[in-house]
Amino acid sequence: MRLKESFFHTRQVLAVNNIDNAPLEGELLLRQTLKINRVQFYQNPAQQITPEQQDILQKLLERRLNGEPSAYISGYREFYGLDFYVNNDVLIPRPETEHLVENTVSRAQKHRKLLIADIGTGCGIIAISLALNLPQAKIYAADISTPALKVARFNCYKHGVVDRIKLLNGDLLEPLPEAVDFIVTNLPYVRQSELDTHSFEPATALDGGADGLEIISRLCRQVNGKLIPGGCLLLEIGQGQREAVTALLDSLFPTADIEITPDLNGIDRVVSMTLPR
């Protein structure tokens, strides 16, 4: 069977089984099977698929039909124009988190030298994206999960920033050794009642407690002494959480300046709080 025919069959199977974006999913499975990039995939549609490769593809397809995300099957996910290694010890990067990175880069570019803390780093997408876009920054990347930090360390080496990112194991801001200019974080914010019990992703990376804000609230209460005067806290939040988060920050830091950035769907996505100098 040729690549073109295998691609048609694979995406048809995915579509019939209600897998969203079946063409892209089918492409990813075939590229993983053949160990080729996207350019190679489309350059040679007449490439022959061997019986051994068909067997591999069938196994990958069965994993996808059983609900396993394609990012875990392929072992990577693109974020902010970069490829990151992922496995089921870490949350799969979401495109909406790019707003958090963009906001931070925009605010931090004017600094000649700065310290940034990425809290709940997971596979390291935020810390590494910031390191590559802010060469003047030193970054702490903290996570309570040791397996997640192993994934982050791999990605730091992959992107050549291991000398500028210090990984810390611990709960929220507790392992941070000094006050920083920016605290940037995408913490769990899904309500327990809304969690998918059949998800392949680690529950600890999604579970925000009864109201979705349990962990975010704990972090906000740890900020004193961890953020320099004039420093900025940037939080990713979920839909409908703006009022609760801004009310909490107002009560803790009444003189701070708070801004909200929506995502491309108009959902309030990033809360930025800047302390007075």
Protein backbone atom coordinates (compact mmCIF):
# COMPACT_ATOMS: atom_id res chain seq x y z
CA MET A 1 0.00 0.00 0.00
CA ARG A 2 1.20 3.50 -0.81
CA LEU A 3 1.43 6.33 1.72
CA LYS A 4 -1.40 8.22 0.02
CA GLU A 5 -3.76 5.26 0.28
CA SER A 6 -2.76 4.49 3.86
CA PHE A 7 -3.37 8.13 4.80
CA PHE A 8 -6.85 8.05 3.27
CA HIS A 9 -7.73 4.82 5.09
CA THR A 10 -6.34 6.01 8.44
CA ARG A 11 -8.18 9.31 8.46
CA GLN A 12 -11.40 7.57 7.42
CA VAL A 13 -11.16 5.20 10.38
CA LEU A 14 -10.49 8.11 12.73
CA ALA A 15 -13.40 10.14 11.35
CA VAL A 16 -15.84 7.25 11.63
CA ASN A 17 -14.80 6.88 15.27
CA ASN A 18 -15.46 10.58 15.95
CA ILE A 19 -11.84 11.62 16.39
CA ASP A 20 -11.62 15.38 15.93
CA ASN A 21 -9.38 16.71 13.15
CA ALA A 22 -8.99 13.26 11.62
CA PRO A 23 -6.69 14.37 8.74
CA LEU A 24 -4.12 15.88 11.12
CA GLU A 25 -4.40 12.95 13.51
CA GLY A 26 -3.91 10.50 10.65
CA GLU A 27 -0.89 12.42 9.42
CA LEU A 28 0.68 12.36 12.89
CA LEU A 29 0.19 8.60 13.23
CA LEU A 30 1.72 7.91 9.82
CA ARG A 31 4.65 10.24 10.43
CA GLN A 32 5.29 8.47 13.72
CA THR A 33 5.12 5.11 11.98
CA LEU A 34 7.52 6.10 9.19
CA LYS A 35 9.75 8.37 11.34
CA ILE A 36 9.47 11.25 8.86
CA ASN A 37 8.77 14.96 9.17
CA ARG A 38 5.87 16.86 7.61
CA VAL A 39 7.80 17.95 4.52
CA GLN A 40 8.85 14.34 3.83
CA PHE A 41 5.28 13.19 4.40
CA TYR A 42 3.87 15.38 1.63
CA GLN A 43 6.86 15.11 -0.74
CA ASN A 44 6.45 11.42 -1.42
CA PRO A 45 2.79 10.28 -1.41
CA ALA A 46 3.71 7.25 -3.56
CA GLN A 47 6.07 5.86 -0.89
CA GLN A 48 5.35 2.21 -0.21
CA ILE A 49 4.25 1.14 3.27
CA THR A 50 5.76 -2.20 4.22
CA PRO A 51 3.72 -4.88 6.01
CA GLU A 52 5.82 -4.29 9.13
CA GLN A 53 5.03 -0.58 9.01
CA GLN A 54 1.34 -1.36 8.52
CA ASP A 55 1.44 -3.45 11.71
CA ILE A 56 3.04 -0.57 13.61
CA LEU A 57 0.46 1.86 12.25
CA GLN A 58 -2.39 -0.43 13.25
CA LYS A 59 -1.14 -0.59 16.83
CA LEU A 60 -0.79 3.19 17.00
CA LEU A 61 -4.26 3.59 15.53
CA GLU A 62 -5.73 1.26 18.15
CA ARG A 63 -4.10 3.31 20.91
CA ARG A 64 -5.64 6.49 19.48
CA LEU A 65 -9.08 4.87 19.16
CA ASN A 66 -8.82 3.81 22.81
CA GLY A 67 -8.55 7.49 23.73
CA GLU A 68 -4.82 7.94 24.17
CA PRO A 69 -3.85 11.44 22.98
CA SER A 70 -1.72 11.62 19.85
CA ALA A 71 0.88 13.68 21.73
CA TYR A 72 1.59 10.73 24.04
CA ILE A 73 1.66 8.33 21.10
CA SER A 74 4.13 10.45 19.13
CA GLY A 75 6.04 11.63 22.21
CA TYR A 76 5.99 15.29 21.26
CA ARG A 77 3.80 18.39 21.02
CA GLU A 78 4.47 21.71 19.34
CA PHE A 79 4.22 24.84 21.49
CA TYR A 80 5.18 28.41 20.63
CA GLY A 81 6.86 27.19 17.44
CA LEU A 82 8.99 24.63 19.30
CA ASP A 83 8.81 20.84 19.64
CA PHE A 84 8.66 19.42 23.16
CA TYR A 85 8.98 15.86 24.37
CA VAL A 86 5.92 14.78 26.40
CA ASN A 87 4.76 11.62 28.13
CA ASN A 88 1.91 10.81 30.50
CA ASP A 89 3.82 12.23 33.47
CA VAL A 90 3.04 15.74 32.19
CA LEU A 91 0.11 17.75 30.92
CA ILE A 92 -0.09 18.08 27.15
CA PRO A 93 0.65 21.73 26.22
CA ARG A 94 -2.40 23.78 25.19
CA PRO A 95 -2.29 26.59 22.63
CA GLU A 96 -4.02 29.00 25.03
CA THR A 97 -0.94 28.91 27.26
CA GLU A 98 0.94 30.72 24.49
CA HIS A 99 -0.91 33.86 25.62
CA LEU A 100 0.82 33.53 28.99
CA VAL A 101 4.23 33.32 27.32
CA GLU A 102 3.51 36.20 24.94
CA ASN A 103 2.33 38.42 27.79
CA THR A 104 5.44 37.67 29.82
CA VAL A 105 7.83 38.24 26.90
CA SER A 106 6.16 41.57 26.12
CA ARG A 107 6.52 42.77 29.72
CA ALA A 108 10.03 41.42 30.27
CA GLN A 109 11.75 42.61 27.07
CA LYS A 110 12.53 46.02 28.58
CA HIS A 111 14.55 44.46 31.41
CA ARG A 112 18.30 44.16 30.87
CA LYS A 113 18.60 41.44 33.49
CA LEU A 114 15.87 39.56 35.28
CA LEU A 115 14.84 36.56 37.31
CA ILE A 116 11.76 34.55 36.35
CA ALA A 117 10.04 31.69 38.19
CA ASP A 118 7.87 29.22 36.25
CA ILE A 119 5.78 27.41 38.85
CA GLY A 120 4.26 24.04 37.96
CA THR A 121 6.60 23.77 34.99
CA GLY A 122 5.49 20.32 33.81
CA CYS A 123 7.42 19.49 30.65
CA GLY A 124 9.04 22.93 30.76
CA ILE A 125 7.26 24.67 27.89
CA ILE A 126 6.90 28.05 29.63
CA ALA A 127 10.40 28.21 31.11
CA ILE A 128 12.09 27.07 27.89
CA SER A 129 10.03 29.34 25.62
CA LEU A 130 10.88 32.29 27.88
CA ALA A 131 14.58 31.36 27.99
CA LEU A 132 14.78 31.25 24.20
CA ASN A 133 12.96 34.58 23.79
CA LEU A 134 14.56 36.41 26.73
CA PRO A 135 18.32 35.71 26.59
CA GLN A 136 18.92 38.10 29.50
CA ALA A 137 16.79 36.02 31.87
CA LYS A 138 17.72 33.46 34.49
CA ILE A 139 14.82 31.12 35.16
CA TYR A 140 13.73 28.90 38.02
CA ALA A 141 11.34 26.10 36.97
CA ALA A 142 9.59 24.38 39.87
CA ASP A 143 7.27 21.39 40.09
CA ILE A 144 6.08 19.10 42.86
CA SER A 145 6.32 16.11 40.50
CA THR A 146 9.75 14.47 40.18
CA PRO A 147 8.77 12.56 37.00
CA ALA A 148 7.60 15.84 35.42
CA LEU A 149 10.95 17.46 36.20
CA LYS A 150 12.72 14.62 34.39
CA VAL A 151 10.72 15.48 31.27
CA ALA A 152 11.50 19.18 31.74
CA ARG A 153 15.22 18.41 32.10
CA PHE A 154 15.18 16.43 28.85
CA ASN A 155 13.54 19.39 27.07
CA CYS A 156 16.05 21.83 28.57
CA TYR A 157 18.90 19.80 27.07
CA LYS A 158 17.02 19.42 23.79
CA HIS A 159 16.68 23.19 23.40
CA GLY A 160 20.10 24.10 24.74
CA VAL A 161 18.99 26.09 27.79
CA VAL A 162 20.04 23.78 30.60
CA ASP A 163 22.60 26.34 31.80
CA ARG A 164 19.95 29.06 32.21
CA ILE A 165 17.10 27.14 33.80
CA LYS A 166 17.40 25.77 37.33
CA LEU A 167 14.89 23.03 38.09
CA LEU A 168 13.42 22.97 41.59
CA ASN A 169 11.43 20.17 43.22
CA GLY A 170 8.80 21.34 45.67
CA ASP A 171 5.34 22.73 46.33
CA LEU A 172 4.52 26.00 44.54
CA LEU A 173 6.79 28.88 45.71
CA GLU A 174 8.32 27.03 48.67
CA PRO A 175 11.52 25.90 46.85
CA LEU A 176 12.17 29.35 45.33
CA PRO A 177 15.50 30.51 46.86
CA GLU A 178 15.07 34.25 46.25
CA ALA A 179 12.62 36.93 45.19
CA VAL A 180 12.14 37.25 41.43
CA ASP A 181 10.97 39.82 38.88
CA PHE A 182 8.28 37.58 37.36
CA ILE A 183 6.28 34.64 38.65
CA VAL A 184 4.62 32.89 35.71
CA THR A 185 2.35 29.93 36.19
CA ASN A 186 -0.21 27.66 34.58
CA LEU A 187 -1.50 25.77 37.60
CA PRO A 188 -4.36 23.25 37.69
CA TYR A 189 -7.67 25.11 37.44
CA VAL A 190 -10.24 22.47 36.45
CA ARG A 191 -13.05 21.90 38.96
CA GLN A 192 -13.05 18.39 40.42
CA SER A 193 -16.62 17.85 39.19
CA GLU A 194 -15.47 18.56 35.62
CA LEU A 195 -12.46 16.23 35.56
CA ASP A 196 -12.44 13.44 32.99
CA THR A 197 -11.92 10.30 35.03
CA HIS A 198 -10.76 8.45 31.91
CA SER A 199 -8.11 11.02 30.97
CA PHE A 200 -4.61 9.80 30.16
CA GLU A 201 -3.17 13.02 31.60
CA PRO A 202 -2.01 13.19 35.25
CA ALA A 203 -4.88 14.28 37.50
CA THR A 204 -2.51 16.37 39.64
CA ALA A 205 -1.83 18.59 36.62
CA LEU A 206 -5.55 19.31 36.14
CA ASP A 207 -7.31 19.10 39.52
CA GLY A 208 -7.93 22.58 40.91
CA GLY A 209 -10.15 21.43 43.77
CA ALA A 210 -13.87 21.96 44.29
CA ASP A 211 -13.93 25.47 42.78
CA GLY A 212 -10.95 25.04 40.46
CA LEU A 213 -8.99 27.69 42.33
CA GLU A 214 -7.61 25.83 45.33
CA ILE A 215 -4.00 25.70 44.11
CA ILE A 216 -4.04 29.14 42.51
CA SER A 217 -5.29 30.58 45.81
CA ARG A 218 -2.50 28.87 47.75
CA LEU A 219 0.11 30.29 45.40
CA CYS A 220 -1.28 33.82 45.65
CA ARG A 221 -0.97 33.65 49.43
CA GLN A 222 2.72 32.68 49.09
CA VAL A 223 3.71 35.60 46.85
CA ASN A 224 4.82 37.97 49.66
CA GLY A 225 8.60 37.85 49.84
CA LYS A 226 8.89 35.91 46.57
CA LEU A 227 8.21 38.83 44.20
CA ILE A 228 10.33 41.98 44.21
CA PRO A 229 8.74 45.47 44.44
CA GLY A 230 7.49 46.27 40.95
CA GLY A 231 7.47 42.57 40.12
CA CYS A 232 4.71 40.85 38.17
CA LEU A 233 2.65 37.72 38.77
CA LEU A 234 1.08 36.17 35.66
CA LEU A 235 -1.57 33.46 36.04
CA GLU A 236 -3.40 31.39 33.45
CA ILE A 237 -7.05 30.91 34.49
CA GLY A 238 -10.09 29.05 33.24
CA GLN A 239 -13.38 30.30 31.89
CA GLY A 240 -15.48 32.12 34.48
CA GLN A 241 -12.66 32.46 37.04
CA ARG A 242 -11.74 36.11 36.44
CA GLU A 243 -13.86 37.66 39.20
CA ALA A 244 -12.81 35.22 41.91
CA VAL A 245 -9.10 35.51 41.10
CA THR A 246 -9.06 39.30 40.83
CA ALA A 247 -11.06 39.61 44.06
CA LEU A 248 -8.52 37.42 45.86
CA LEU A 249 -5.57 39.43 44.51
CA ASP A 250 -7.30 42.71 45.40
CA SER A 251 -7.72 41.53 48.98
CA LEU A 252 -4.10 40.38 49.28
CA PHE A 253 -2.46 43.22 47.32
CA PRO A 254 -4.81 46.24 47.41
CA THR A 255 -2.25 48.62 45.87
CA ALA A 256 -1.27 46.34 42.99
CA ASP A 257 -2.26 46.89 39.35
CA ILE A 258 -4.27 44.03 37.81
CA GLU A 259 -4.85 43.43 34.10
CA ILE A 260 -6.76 40.75 32.20
CA THR A 261 -5.80 39.34 28.79
CA PRO A 262 -8.36 37.30 26.79
CA ASP A 263 -7.47 34.46 24.47
CA LEU A 264 -8.43 34.26 20.79
CA ASN A 265 -11.91 33.02 21.75
CA GLY A 266 -12.52 36.04 23.97
CA ILE A 267 -12.17 34.01 27.18
CA ASP A 268 -10.35 35.78 30.02
CA ARG A 269 -7.15 33.74 30.09
CA VAL A 270 -4.26 35.61 31.74
CA VAL A 271 -4.37 37.61 34.97
CA SER A 272 -1.36 39.92 35.43
CA MET A 273 -0.70 41.56 38.79
CA THR A 274 2.09 44.14 39.14
CA LEU A 275 3.23 45.21 42.59
CA PRO A 276 4.00 48.88 43.29
CA ARG A 277 7.66 49.84 43.50
